[in-house]
C-alpha atoms as a PDB file:
ATOM      1  CA  UNK A   1      -7.455  38.654 -15.275  1.00  0.00           C
ATOM      2  CA  UNK A   2      -8.405  41.104 -12.539  1.00  0.00           C
ATOM      3  CA  UNK A   3      -6.109  43.579 -10.868  1.00  0.00           C
ATOM      4  CA  UNK A   4      -4.486  43.033  -7.474  1.00  0.00           C
ATOM      5  CA  UNK A   5      -7.113  42.008  -4.908  1.00  0.00           C
ATOM      6  CA  UNK A   6      -5.272  43.326  -1.853  1.00  0.00           C
ATOM      7  CA  UNK A   7      -6.953  46.145   0.038  1.00  0.00           C
ATOM      8  CA  UNK A   8      -7.331  47.427   3.585  1.00  0.00           C
ATOM      9  CA  UNK A   9     -10.406  48.003   5.689  1.00  0.00           C
ATOM     10  CA  UNK A  10     -12.731  46.121   3.394  1.00  0.00           C
ATOM     11  CA  UNK A  11     -15.643  43.857   4.197  1.00  0.00           C
ATOM     12  CA  UNK A  12     -15.309  40.460   2.532  1.00  0.00           C
ATOM     13  CA  UNK A  13     -17.749  37.560   2.297  1.00  0.00           C
ATOM     14  CA  UNK A  14     -16.622  34.016   1.513  1.00  0.00           C
ATOM     15  CA  UNK A  15     -19.293  31.475   0.550  1.00  0.00           C
ATOM     16  CA  UNK A  16     -18.602  27.778   1.163  1.00  0.00           C
ATOM     17  CA  UNK A  17     -21.623  25.668   2.081  1.00  0.00           C
ATOM     18  CA  UNK A  18     -20.682  22.009   1.521  1.00  0.00           C
ATOM     19  CA  UNK A  19     -19.655  19.207   1.254  1.00  0.00           C
ATOM     20  CA  UNK A  20     -17.119  18.139   3.891  1.00  0.00           C
ATOM     21  CA  UNK A  21     -14.383  17.183   1.434  1.00  0.00           C
ATOM     22  CA  UNK A  22     -14.841  20.398  -0.526  1.00  0.00           C
ATOM     23  CA  UNK A  23     -14.769  22.473   2.667  1.00  0.00           C
ATOM     24  CA  UNK A  24     -11.454  20.878   3.647  1.00  0.00           C
ATOM     25  CA  UNK A  25     -10.024  21.484   0.165  1.00  0.00           C
ATOM     26  CA  UNK A  26     -10.972  25.143   0.567  1.00  0.00           C
ATOM     27  CA  UNK A  27      -8.763  25.615   3.643  1.00  0.00           C
ATOM     28  CA  UNK A  28      -5.801  26.658   1.496  1.00  0.00           C
ATOM     29  CA  UNK A  29      -7.906  29.143  -0.490  1.00  0.00           C
ATOM     30  CA  UNK A  30      -9.315  30.501   2.789  1.00  0.00           C
ATOM     31  CA  UNK A  31      -5.743  31.195   3.908  1.00  0.00           C
ATOM     32  CA  UNK A  32      -4.969  32.887   0.596  1.00  0.00           C
ATOM     33  CA  UNK A  33      -8.007  35.161   0.855  1.00  0.00           C
ATOM     34  CA  UNK A  34      -7.010  36.170   4.378  1.00  0.00           C
ATOM     35  CA  UNK A  35      -3.433  36.873   3.218  1.00  0.00           C
ATOM     36  CA  UNK A  36      -4.728  38.981   0.320  1.00  0.00           C
ATOM     37  CA  UNK A  37      -6.942  41.019   2.661  1.00  0.00           C
ATOM     38  CA  UNK A  38      -4.984  41.148   5.947  1.00  0.00           C
ATOM     39  CA  UNK A  39      -6.883  44.142   7.349  1.00  0.00           C
ATOM     40  CA  UNK A  40     -10.325  43.264   6.041  1.00  0.00           C
ATOM     41  CA  UNK A  41     -13.278  42.046   8.075  1.00  0.00           C
ATOM     42  CA  UNK A  42     -13.967  38.630   6.568  1.00  0.00           C
ATOM     43  CA  UNK A  43     -17.214  36.738   7.081  1.00  0.00           C
ATOM     44  CA  UNK A  44     -17.736  33.165   5.929  1.00  0.00           C
ATOM     45  CA  UNK A  45     -21.212  31.955   4.977  1.00  0.00           C
ATOM     46  CA  UNK A  46     -21.427  28.228   5.600  1.00  0.00           C
ATOM     47  CA  UNK A  47     -23.757  25.536   6.931  1.00  0.00           C
ATOM     48  CA  UNK A  48     -24.068  24.490  10.555  1.00  0.00           C
ATOM     49  CA  UNK A  49     -21.954  21.268  10.421  1.00  0.00           C
ATOM     50  CA  UNK A  50     -18.843  23.261   9.497  1.00  0.00           C
ATOM     51  CA  UNK A  51     -18.967  26.056  12.074  1.00  0.00           C
ATOM     52  CA  UNK A  52     -16.311  24.495  14.341  1.00  0.00           C
ATOM     53  CA  UNK A  53     -13.992  23.960  11.377  1.00  0.00           C
ATOM     54  CA  UNK A  54     -14.367  27.592  10.356  1.00  0.00           C
ATOM     55  CA  UNK A  55     -13.703  28.789  13.912  1.00  0.00           C
ATOM     56  CA  UNK A  56     -10.635  26.571  14.231  1.00  0.00           C
ATOM     57  CA  UNK A  57      -9.193  27.805  10.933  1.00  0.00           C
ATOM     58  CA  UNK A  58      -8.630  31.303  12.340  1.00  0.00           C
ATOM     59  CA  UNK A  59      -9.213  32.918   8.941  1.00  0.00           C
ATOM     60  CA  UNK A  60     -12.550  34.589   9.639  1.00  0.00           C
ATOM     61  CA  UNK A  61     -13.789  37.448  11.785  1.00  0.00           C
ATOM     62  CA  UNK A  62     -17.393  36.258  11.659  1.00  0.00           C
ATOM     63  CA  UNK A  63     -19.311  33.123  10.738  1.00  0.00           C
ATOM     64  CA  UNK A  64     -22.808  33.235   9.278  1.00  0.00           C
ATOM     65  CA  UNK A  65     -24.960  30.119   9.006  1.00  0.00           C
ATOM     66  CA  UNK A  66     -26.851  29.499   5.798  1.00  0.00           C
ATOM     67  CA  UNK A  67     -30.030  27.495   6.366  1.00  0.00           C
ATOM     68  CA  UNK A  68     -30.241  26.903   2.599  1.00  0.00           C
ATOM     69  CA  UNK A  69     -33.868  27.952   2.356  1.00  0.00           C
ATOM     70  CA  UNK A  70     -36.150  26.634  -0.329  1.00  0.00           C
ATOM     71  CA  UNK A  71     -37.177  29.339  -2.762  1.00  0.00           C
ATOM     72  CA  UNK A  72     -40.773  28.800  -1.685  1.00  0.00           C
ATOM     73  CA  UNK A  73     -39.867  29.761   1.902  1.00  0.00           C
ATOM     74  CA  UNK A  74     -40.075  33.496   1.310  1.00  0.00           C
ATOM     75  CA  UNK A  75     -39.513  34.403   4.957  1.00  0.00           C
ATOM     76  CA  UNK A  76     -36.091  32.736   5.063  1.00  0.00           C
ATOM     77  CA  UNK A  77     -35.165  33.886   1.564  1.00  0.00           C
ATOM     78  CA  UNK A  78     -35.836  37.492   2.578  1.00  0.00           C
ATOM     79  CA  UNK A  79     -33.848  36.988   5.801  1.00  0.00           C
ATOM     80  CA  UNK A  80     -30.906  35.802   3.730  1.00  0.00           C
ATOM     81  CA  UNK A  81     -31.376  38.769   1.405  1.00  0.00           C
ATOM     82  CA  UNK A  82     -31.257  41.169   4.379  1.00  0.00           C
ATOM     83  CA  UNK A  83     -28.040  39.549   5.588  1.00  0.00           C
ATOM     84  CA  UNK A  84     -26.399  39.923   2.190  1.00  0.00           C
ATOM     85  CA  UNK A  85     -27.545  43.506   1.579  1.00  0.00           C
ATOM     86  CA  UNK A  86     -26.920  44.747   5.128  1.00  0.00           C
ATOM     87  CA  UNK A  87     -23.439  43.228   5.233  1.00  0.00           C
ATOM     88  CA  UNK A  88     -22.035  46.097   3.149  1.00  0.00           C
ATOM     89  CA  UNK A  89     -19.647  43.650   1.537  1.00  0.00           C
ATOM     90  CA  UNK A  90     -17.074  45.102  -0.826  1.00  0.00           C
ATOM     91  CA  UNK A  91     -16.218  41.745  -2.337  1.00  0.00           C
ATOM     92  CA  UNK A  92     -17.640  38.234  -2.308  1.00  0.00           C
ATOM     93  CA  UNK A  93     -15.637  35.094  -3.026  1.00  0.00           C
ATOM     94  CA  UNK A  94     -18.172  32.463  -4.033  1.00  0.00           C
ATOM     95  CA  UNK A  95     -16.208  29.242  -3.571  1.00  0.00           C
ATOM     96  CA  UNK A  96     -19.377  27.159  -3.789  1.00  0.00           C
ATOM     97  CA  UNK A  97     -20.087  28.230  -7.401  1.00  0.00           C
ATOM     98  CA  UNK A  98     -23.413  26.408  -7.479  1.00  0.00           C
ATOM     99  CA  UNK A  99     -26.814  27.402  -8.806  1.00  0.00           C
ATOM    100  CA  UNK A 100     -27.750  28.256  -5.219  1.00  0.00           C
ATOM    101  CA  UNK A 101     -24.830  30.587  -4.560  1.00  0.00           C
ATOM    102  CA  UNK A 102     -25.304  32.110  -8.007  1.00  0.00           C
ATOM    103  CA  UNK A 103     -28.870  32.926  -6.973  1.00  0.00           C
ATOM    104  CA  UNK A 104     -27.494  34.731  -3.926  1.00  0.00           C
ATOM    105  CA  UNK A 105     -25.809  37.180  -6.292  1.00  0.00           C
ATOM    106  CA  UNK A 106     -29.239  38.118  -7.636  1.00  0.00           C
ATOM    107  CA  UNK A 107     -30.555  38.820  -4.132  1.00  0.00           C
ATOM    108  CA  UNK A 108     -28.618  42.102  -3.995  1.00  0.00           C
ATOM    109  CA  UNK A 109     -30.964  43.607  -6.571  1.00  0.00           C
ATOM    110  CA  UNK A 110     -31.920  46.445  -6.750  1.00  0.00           C
ATOM    111  CA  UNK A 111     -29.029  47.554  -4.530  1.00  0.00           C
ATOM    112  CA  UNK A 112     -25.563  47.806  -6.092  1.00  0.00           C
ATOM    113  CA  UNK A 113     -23.834  44.443  -6.222  1.00  0.00           C
ATOM    114  CA  UNK A 114     -20.438  43.958  -4.562  1.00  0.00           C
ATOM    115  CA  UNK A 115     -17.405  42.763  -6.468  1.00  0.00           C
ATOM    116  CA  UNK A 116     -18.030  39.057  -6.958  1.00  0.00           C
ATOM    117  CA  UNK A 117     -15.614  36.227  -7.729  1.00  0.00           C
ATOM    118  CA  UNK A 118     -17.483  33.217  -9.074  1.00  0.00           C
ATOM    119  CA  UNK A 119     -19.584  32.156 -12.010  1.00  0.00           C
ATOM    120  CA  UNK A 120     -22.740  34.222 -11.420  1.00  0.00           C
ATOM    121  CA  UNK A 121     -23.838  35.813 -14.650  1.00  0.00           C
ATOM    122  CA  UNK A 122     -22.775  39.440 -14.822  1.00  0.00           C
ATOM    123  CA  UNK A 123     -20.408  39.293 -11.831  1.00  0.00           C
ATOM    124  CA  UNK A 124     -17.327  41.515 -11.742  1.00  0.00           C
ATOM    125  CA  UNK A 125     -14.692  38.761 -11.508  1.00  0.00           C
ATOM    126  CA  UNK A 126     -16.039  35.754 -13.393  1.00  0.00           C
ATOM    127  CA  UNK A 127     -14.123  32.511 -13.485  1.00  0.00           C
ATOM    128  CA  UNK A 128     -14.280  32.335 -17.237  1.00  0.00           C
ATOM    129  CA  UNK A 129     -12.015  29.336 -17.827  1.00  0.00           C
ATOM    130  CA  UNK A 130     -13.947  27.007 -20.174  1.00  0.00           C
ATOM    131  CA  UNK A 131     -12.047  24.039 -18.692  1.00  0.00           C
ATOM    132  CA  UNK A 132     -13.216  24.665 -15.111  1.00  0.00           C
ATOM    133  CA  UNK A 133     -15.576  21.690 -15.000  1.00  0.00           C
ATOM    134  CA  UNK A 134     -12.783  19.276 -15.940  1.00  0.00           C
ATOM    135  CA  UNK A 135     -10.382  20.545 -13.269  1.00  0.00           C
ATOM    136  CA  UNK A 136      -9.746  19.054  -9.842  1.00  0.00           C
ATOM    137  CA  UNK A 137     -11.933  20.839  -7.285  1.00  0.00           C
ATOM    138  CA  UNK A 138      -8.923  22.488  -5.651  1.00  0.00           C
ATOM    139  CA  UNK A 139      -7.233  23.476  -8.908  1.00  0.00           C
ATOM    140  CA  UNK A 140     -10.524  25.039  -9.974  1.00  0.00           C
ATOM    141  CA  UNK A 141     -10.536  27.282  -6.889  1.00  0.00           C
ATOM    142  CA  UNK A 142      -6.847  28.111  -7.410  1.00  0.00           C
ATOM    143  CA  UNK A 143      -7.690  29.217 -10.942  1.00  0.00           C
ATOM    144  CA  UNK A 144     -10.777  31.130  -9.838  1.00  0.00           C
ATOM    145  CA  UNK A 145      -8.765  33.093  -7.291  1.00  0.00           C
ATOM    146  CA  UNK A 146      -6.101  33.875  -9.862  1.00  0.00           C
ATOM    147  CA  UNK A 147      -8.810  35.411 -12.053  1.00  0.00           C
ATOM    148  CA  UNK A 148      -9.672  37.535  -8.986  1.00  0.00           C
ATOM    149  CA  UNK A 149      -6.064  38.634  -8.486  1.00  0.00           C
ATOM    150  CA  UNK A 150      -4.896  36.118  -5.866  1.00  0.00           C
ATOM    151  CA  UNK A 151      -2.078  33.974  -7.211  1.00  0.00           C
ATOM    152  CA  UNK A 152      -0.426  32.552  -4.089  1.00  0.00           C
ATOM    153  CA  UNK A 153      -2.652  29.789  -2.711  1.00  0.00           C
ATOM    154  CA  UNK A 154      -1.287  27.132  -0.323  1.00  0.00           C
ATOM    155  CA  UNK A 155      -2.433  23.537  -0.148  1.00  0.00           C
ATOM    156  CA  UNK A 156      -5.090  22.781   2.474  1.00  0.00           C
ATOM    157  CA  UNK A 157      -3.768  22.256   5.991  1.00  0.00           C
ATOM    158  CA  UNK A 158      -5.931  21.411   8.983  1.00  0.00           C
ATOM    159  CA  UNK A 159      -4.523  21.246  12.498  1.00  0.00           C
ATOM    160  CA  UNK A 160      -6.539  19.694  15.293  1.00  0.00           C
ATOM    161  CA  UNK A 161      -5.897  20.217  18.999  1.00  0.00           C
ATOM    162  CA  UNK A 162      -3.360  18.179  20.932  1.00  0.00           C
ATOM    163  CA  UNK A 163      -4.892  14.803  21.615  1.00  0.00           C
ATOM    164  CA  UNK A 164      -4.389  12.249  24.371  1.00  0.00           C
ATOM    165  CA  UNK A 165      -4.359   8.835  22.705  1.00  0.00           C
ATOM    166  CA  UNK A 166      -5.043   7.196  26.068  1.00  0.00           C
ATOM    167  CA  UNK A 167      -8.401   8.938  26.062  1.00  0.00           C
ATOM    168  CA  UNK A 168      -9.333   6.773  23.094  1.00  0.00           C
ATOM    169  CA  UNK A 169      -7.453   3.697  24.274  1.00  0.00           C
ATOM    170  CA  UNK A 170      -5.148   3.806  21.256  1.00  0.00           C
ATOM    171  CA  UNK A 171      -1.705   2.265  21.157  1.00  0.00           C
ATOM    172  CA  UNK A 172       0.856   3.571  18.679  1.00  0.00           C
ATOM    173  CA  UNK A 173       1.691   3.035  15.931  1.00  0.00           C
ATOM    174  CA  UNK A 174      -1.808   3.087  14.499  1.00  0.00           C
ATOM    175  CA  UNK A 175      -3.566   3.254  11.131  1.00  0.00           C
ATOM    176  CA  UNK A 176      -6.683   5.366  10.787  1.00  0.00           C
ATOM    177  CA  UNK A 177      -9.436   3.557   8.855  1.00  0.00           C
ATOM    178  CA  UNK A 178     -12.442   5.397   7.359  1.00  0.00           C
ATOM    179  CA  UNK A 179     -14.752   2.662   6.024  1.00  0.00           C
ATOM    180  CA  UNK A 180     -17.950   4.725   5.722  1.00  0.00           C
ATOM    181  CA  UNK A 181     -19.326   7.143   3.220  1.00  0.00           C
ATOM    182  CA  UNK A 182     -22.504   8.776   2.006  1.00  0.00           C
ATOM    183  CA  UNK A 183     -25.372   6.321   2.584  1.00  0.00           C
ATOM    184  CA  UNK A 184     -27.013   7.250  -0.720  1.00  0.00           C
ATOM    185  CA  UNK A 185     -23.865   6.243  -2.651  1.00  0.00           C
ATOM    186  CA  UNK A 186     -23.097   2.661  -1.581  1.00  0.00           C
ATOM    187  CA  UNK A 187     -20.999   2.021  -4.702  1.00  0.00           C
ATOM    188  CA  UNK A 188     -18.325   4.320  -3.218  1.00  0.00           C
ATOM    189  CA  UNK A 189     -17.841   1.935  -0.286  1.00  0.00           C
ATOM    190  CA  UNK A 190     -15.401  -0.964  -0.187  1.00  0.00           C
ATOM    191  CA  UNK A 191     -17.159  -3.926   1.471  1.00  0.00           C
ATOM    192  CA  UNK A 192     -16.891  -4.012   5.259  1.00  0.00           C
ATOM    193  CA  UNK A 193     -15.561  -7.574   5.173  1.00  0.00           C
ATOM    194  CA  UNK A 194     -12.576  -6.419   3.091  1.00  0.00           C
ATOM    195  CA  UNK A 195     -11.826  -3.698   5.605  1.00  0.00           C
ATOM    196  CA  UNK A 196     -12.042  -6.361   8.321  1.00  0.00           C
ATOM    197  CA  UNK A 197      -9.486  -8.568   6.570  1.00  0.00           C
ATOM    198  CA  UNK A 198      -7.261  -5.546   5.981  1.00  0.00           C
ATOM    199  CA  UNK A 199      -7.464  -4.632   9.665  1.00  0.00           C
ATOM    200  CA  UNK A 200      -6.355  -8.156  10.615  1.00  0.00           C
ATOM    201  CA  UNK A 201      -3.363  -7.904   8.292  1.00  0.00           C
ATOM    202  CA  UNK A 202      -2.424  -4.531   9.779  1.00  0.00           C
ATOM    203  CA  UNK A 203      -2.647  -5.989  13.276  1.00  0.00           C
ATOM    204  CA  UNK A 204      -0.266  -8.763  12.205  1.00  0.00           C
ATOM    205  CA  UNK A 205       2.307  -6.010  11.631  1.00  0.00           C
ATOM    206  CA  UNK A 206       1.648  -4.695  15.170  1.00  0.00           C
ATOM    207  CA  UNK A 207      -0.228  -1.722  13.772  1.00  0.00           C
ATOM    208  CA  UNK A 208      -3.396  -0.781  15.657  1.00  0.00           C
ATOM    209  CA  UNK A 209      -6.379  -0.350  13.299  1.00  0.00           C
ATOM    210  CA  UNK A 210      -8.402   2.648  14.506  1.00  0.00           C
ATOM    211  CA  UNK A 211     -11.925   2.796  13.096  1.00  0.00           C
ATOM    212  CA  UNK A 212     -13.814   6.067  12.796  1.00  0.00           C
ATOM    213  CA  UNK A 213     -17.383   6.761  11.713  1.00  0.00           C
ATOM    214  CA  UNK A 214     -20.819   7.796  12.872  1.00  0.00           C
ATOM    215  CA  UNK A 215     -23.628   5.801  14.444  1.00  0.00           C
ATOM    216  CA  UNK A 216     -25.175   5.587  10.968  1.00  0.00           C
ATOM    217  CA  UNK A 217     -22.200   3.418  10.008  1.00  0.00           C
ATOM    218  CA  UNK A 218     -22.567   1.073  12.989  1.00  0.00           C
ATOM    219  CA  UNK A 219     -23.137  -2.007  10.814  1.00  0.00           C
ATOM    220  CA  UNK A 220     -19.920  -1.436   8.873  1.00  0.00           C
ATOM    221  CA  UNK A 221     -17.845  -0.611  11.934  1.00  0.00           C
ATOM    222  CA  UNK A 222     -19.350  -3.507  13.897  1.00  0.00           C
ATOM    223  CA  UNK A 223     -18.410  -6.038  11.210  1.00  0.00           C
ATOM    224  CA  UNK A 224     -14.816  -4.829  11.099  1.00  0.00           C
ATOM    225  CA  UNK A 225     -14.599  -4.759  14.877  1.00  0.00           C
ATOM    226  CA  UNK A 226     -15.887  -8.336  15.115  1.00  0.00           C
ATOM    227  CA  UNK A 227     -13.399  -9.561  12.531  1.00  0.00           C
ATOM    228  CA  UNK A 228     -10.417  -7.842  14.160  1.00  0.00           C
ATOM    229  CA  UNK A 229     -10.565  -7.747  17.977  1.00  0.00           C
ATOM    230  CA  UNK A 230      -7.333  -5.731  18.030  1.00  0.00           C
ATOM    231  CA  UNK A 231      -9.045  -2.862  16.226  1.00  0.00           C
ATOM    232  CA  UNK A 232     -10.115   0.207  18.189  1.00  0.00           C
ATOM    233  CA  UNK A 233     -13.660   1.256  17.297  1.00  0.00           C
ATOM    234  CA  UNK A 234     -14.251   4.984  17.867  1.00  0.00           C
ATOM    235  CA  UNK A 235     -17.766   5.089  16.426  1.00  0.00           C
ATOM    236  CA  UNK A 236     -19.462   8.374  17.244  1.00  0.00           C
ATOM    237  CA  UNK A 237     -16.551   9.650  19.342  1.00  0.00           C
ATOM    238  CA  UNK A 238     -14.646  11.733  16.812  1.00  0.00           C
ATOM    239  CA  UNK A 239     -15.641  15.159  15.575  1.00  0.00           C
ATOM    240  CA  UNK A 240     -13.944  16.739  12.590  1.00  0.00           C
ATOM    241  CA  UNK A 241     -11.124  18.231  14.668  1.00  0.00           C
ATOM    242  CA  UNK A 242     -10.576  14.932  16.518  1.00  0.00           C
ATOM    243  CA  UNK A 243     -10.123  13.248  13.133  1.00  0.00           C
ATOM    244  CA  UNK A 244      -7.527  15.873  12.226  1.00  0.00           C
ATOM    245  CA  UNK A 245      -5.680  15.246  15.490  1.00  0.00           C
ATOM    246  CA  UNK A 246      -5.745  11.483  14.967  1.00  0.00           C
ATOM    247  CA  UNK A 247      -4.665  11.855  11.352  1.00  0.00           C
ATOM    248  CA  UNK A 248      -1.655  13.903  12.399  1.00  0.00           C
ATOM    249  CA  UNK A 249      -0.561  11.161  14.824  1.00  0.00           C
ATOM    250  CA  UNK A 250      -1.269   8.176  12.549  1.00  0.00           C
ATOM    251  CA  UNK A 251       1.303   6.418  10.400  1.00  0.00           C
ATOM    252  CA  UNK A 252      -1.271   5.991   7.645  1.00  0.00           C
ATOM    253  CA  UNK A 253      -4.932   6.673   6.854  1.00  0.00           C
ATOM    254  CA  UNK A 254      -6.974   4.373   4.607  1.00  0.00           C
ATOM    255  CA  UNK A 255     -10.547   4.815   3.497  1.00  0.00           C
ATOM    256  CA  UNK A 256     -13.178   5.346   0.871  1.00  0.00           C
ATOM    257  CA  UNK A 257     -13.611   8.553  -1.093  1.00  0.00           C
ATOM    258  CA  UNK A 258     -15.265  10.368   1.785  1.00  0.00           C
ATOM    259  CA  UNK A 259     -14.902  13.590   3.771  1.00  0.00           C
ATOM    260  CA  UNK A 260     -12.899  12.223   6.727  1.00  0.00           C
ATOM    261  CA  UNK A 261     -10.138  11.143   4.350  1.00  0.00           C
ATOM    262  CA  UNK A 262      -9.815  14.770   3.228  1.00  0.00           C
ATOM    263  CA  UNK A 263      -9.434  15.740   6.885  1.00  0.00           C
ATOM    264  CA  UNK A 264      -6.768  13.093   7.527  1.00  0.00           C
ATOM    265  CA  UNK A 265      -4.786  14.099   4.440  1.00  0.00           C
ATOM    266  CA  UNK A 266      -4.971  17.816   5.280  1.00  0.00           C
ATOM    267  CA  UNK A 267      -3.756  16.984   8.798  1.00  0.00           C
ATOM    268  CA  UNK A 268      -0.638  15.372   7.370  1.00  0.00           C
ATOM    269  CA  UNK A 269      -1.513  11.670   7.364  1.00  0.00           C
ATOM    270  CA  UNK A 270       0.012   9.645   4.527  1.00  0.00           C
ATOM    271  CA  UNK A 271      -3.187   8.467   2.876  1.00  0.00           C
ATOM    272  CA  UNK A 272      -4.586   5.735   0.651  1.00  0.00           C
ATOM    273  CA  UNK A 273      -8.018   6.493  -0.814  1.00  0.00           C
ATOM    274  CA  UNK A 274     -10.185   3.882  -2.542  1.00  0.00           C
ATOM    275  CA  UNK A 275     -12.158   4.976  -5.600  1.00  0.00           C
ATOM    276  CA  UNK A 276     -14.794   3.310  -7.743  1.00  0.00           C
ATOM    277  CA  UNK A 277     -16.298   4.432 -11.024  1.00  0.00           C
ATOM    278  CA  UNK A 278     -18.658   6.581  -8.962  1.00  0.00           C
ATOM    279  CA  UNK A 279     -16.024   9.297  -8.557  1.00  0.00           C
ATOM    280  CA  UNK A 280     -12.862  10.389 -10.305  1.00  0.00           C
ATOM    281  CA  UNK A 281      -9.677  10.994  -8.288  1.00  0.00           C
ATOM    282  CA  UNK A 282      -8.544  13.431 -10.961  1.00  0.00           C
ATOM    283  CA  UNK A 283     -11.438  15.662  -9.938  1.00  0.00           C
ATOM    284  CA  UNK A 284     -11.906  15.019  -6.234  1.00  0.00           C
ATOM    285  CA  UNK A 285      -9.027  13.165  -4.556  1.00  0.00           C
ATOM    286  CA  UNK A 286      -7.798  14.581  -1.239  1.00  0.00           C
ATOM    287  CA  UNK A 287      -4.696  16.738  -1.370  1.00  0.00           C
ATOM    288  CA  UNK A 288      -2.144  16.048   1.324  1.00  0.00           C
ATOM    289  CA  UNK A 289       0.925  17.835   2.590  1.00  0.00           C
ATOM    290  CA  UNK A 290       4.011  17.243   0.484  1.00  0.00           C
ATOM    291  CA  UNK A 291       4.682  15.230  -2.646  1.00  0.00           C
ATOM    292  CA  UNK A 292       3.040  11.813  -2.949  1.00  0.00           C
ATOM    293  CA  UNK A 293       1.132  12.335   0.285  1.00  0.00           C
ATOM    294  CA  UNK A 294      -2.002  10.709  -1.115  1.00  0.00           C
ATOM    295  CA  UNK A 295      -2.208   7.440  -3.049  1.00  0.00           C
ATOM    296  CA  UNK A 296      -5.353   6.382  -4.870  1.00  0.00           C
ATOM    297  CA  UNK A 297      -6.428   2.839  -5.644  1.00  0.00           C
ATOM    298  CA  UNK A 298      -9.244   2.619  -8.163  1.00  0.00           C
ATOM    299  CA  UNK A 299     -11.443  -0.273  -9.237  1.00  0.00           C
ATOM    300  CA  UNK A 300     -14.556   0.247 -11.324  1.00  0.00           C
ATOM    301  CA  UNK A 301     -16.575  -1.904  -8.921  1.00  0.00           C
ATOM    302  CA  UNK A 302     -15.145  -1.827  -5.402  1.00  0.00           C
ATOM    303  CA  UNK A 303     -16.518  -5.322  -4.816  1.00  0.00           C
ATOM    304  CA  UNK A 304     -13.775  -6.450  -7.188  1.00  0.00           C
ATOM    305  CA  UNK A 305     -10.977  -4.704  -5.290  1.00  0.00           C
ATOM    306  CA  UNK A 306      -8.944  -7.304  -3.402  1.00  0.00           C
ATOM    307  CA  UNK A 307      -7.434  -6.970   0.032  1.00  0.00           C
ATOM    308  CA  UNK A 308      -4.073  -8.044  -1.368  1.00  0.00           C
ATOM    309  CA  UNK A 309      -4.026  -5.154  -3.812  1.00  0.00           C
ATOM    310  CA  UNK A 310      -4.719  -2.616  -1.069  1.00  0.00           C
ATOM    311  CA  UNK A 311      -2.215  -4.308   1.215  1.00  0.00           C
ATOM    312  CA  UNK A 312       0.443  -4.030  -1.486  1.00  0.00           C
ATOM    313  CA  UNK A 313      -0.018  -0.267  -1.423  1.00  0.00           C
ATOM    314  CA  UNK A 314       0.117  -0.263   2.396  1.00  0.00           C
ATOM    315  CA  UNK A 315       3.397  -2.178   2.361  1.00  0.00           C
ATOM    316  CA  UNK A 316       4.816   0.183  -0.236  1.00  0.00           C
ATOM    317  CA  UNK A 317       3.810   3.286   1.717  1.00  0.00           C
ATOM    318  CA  UNK A 318       5.088   1.979   5.064  1.00  0.00           C
ATOM    319  CA  UNK A 319       8.047   0.050   3.680  1.00  0.00           C
ATOM    320  CA  UNK A 320       6.842  -3.210   5.218  1.00  0.00           C
ATOM    321  CA  UNK A 321       8.208  -6.650   4.376  1.00  0.00           C
ATOM    322  CA  UNK A 322       5.990  -9.293   2.791  1.00  0.00           C
END
């Protein structure tokens, strides 16, 4: 283990590039890094979609955008190299720990390399736990930071701005529904028709189903909307911070294993997340606020997951009668 990481007047770089769920899970570690270096100038290197989240967190003095250049694009690779070398960073926390971010460590050559927490070969503070790849994504970062001398790491918390529900035409109480997911991984999505039937059952309990998603998920959201006229379809109207605000006001959030569910859980929404064999909740489930904040329902093939089974978990979480 490394010695105490706390220091004053230092220049720190934190690397976290993607994906949405992993960025949300890193909010607690971001807070821990700031607490360990209260007087340091801390820059985060991230990708463009997450700039607003990084600004809203309040943990960083500067935000740098990584365009993730291909190695064949020498102009952009050298621009990234200049940023890293000219930053005069005393320490780097590589929370991405990918082949790409490991390559960034090499870009300091031939200049002296900063202290580096990660898995880059030869770095000063390697996360040398042989079990790291079998750990939950958040526990892995907790352990990595402990190797770097930071032992007090809170759970991720994300607060959105105050929100006017009338702006979205939402009546309380409401349930936030996230039926989308990565388009290249359809096996992680519960069928839209099941979400539609679930929404109807929620409406029967006088709970307003609130649907969120992007225009790319219009087919899914449209099917649910058509099946449940009492649902409120917010397609394309909710940025990441809006989702956090809605999650904080909801009585429950339900959805696939996708980034917005991480946002809702970190905002304090009691959450139910649906998993297939395509992902393992032991490695990637959202982490909420408080004990038992997040429930997972897993079926190898989500086409086999029944509405009744999900509704049983809803009734249990909200203490609803049959």
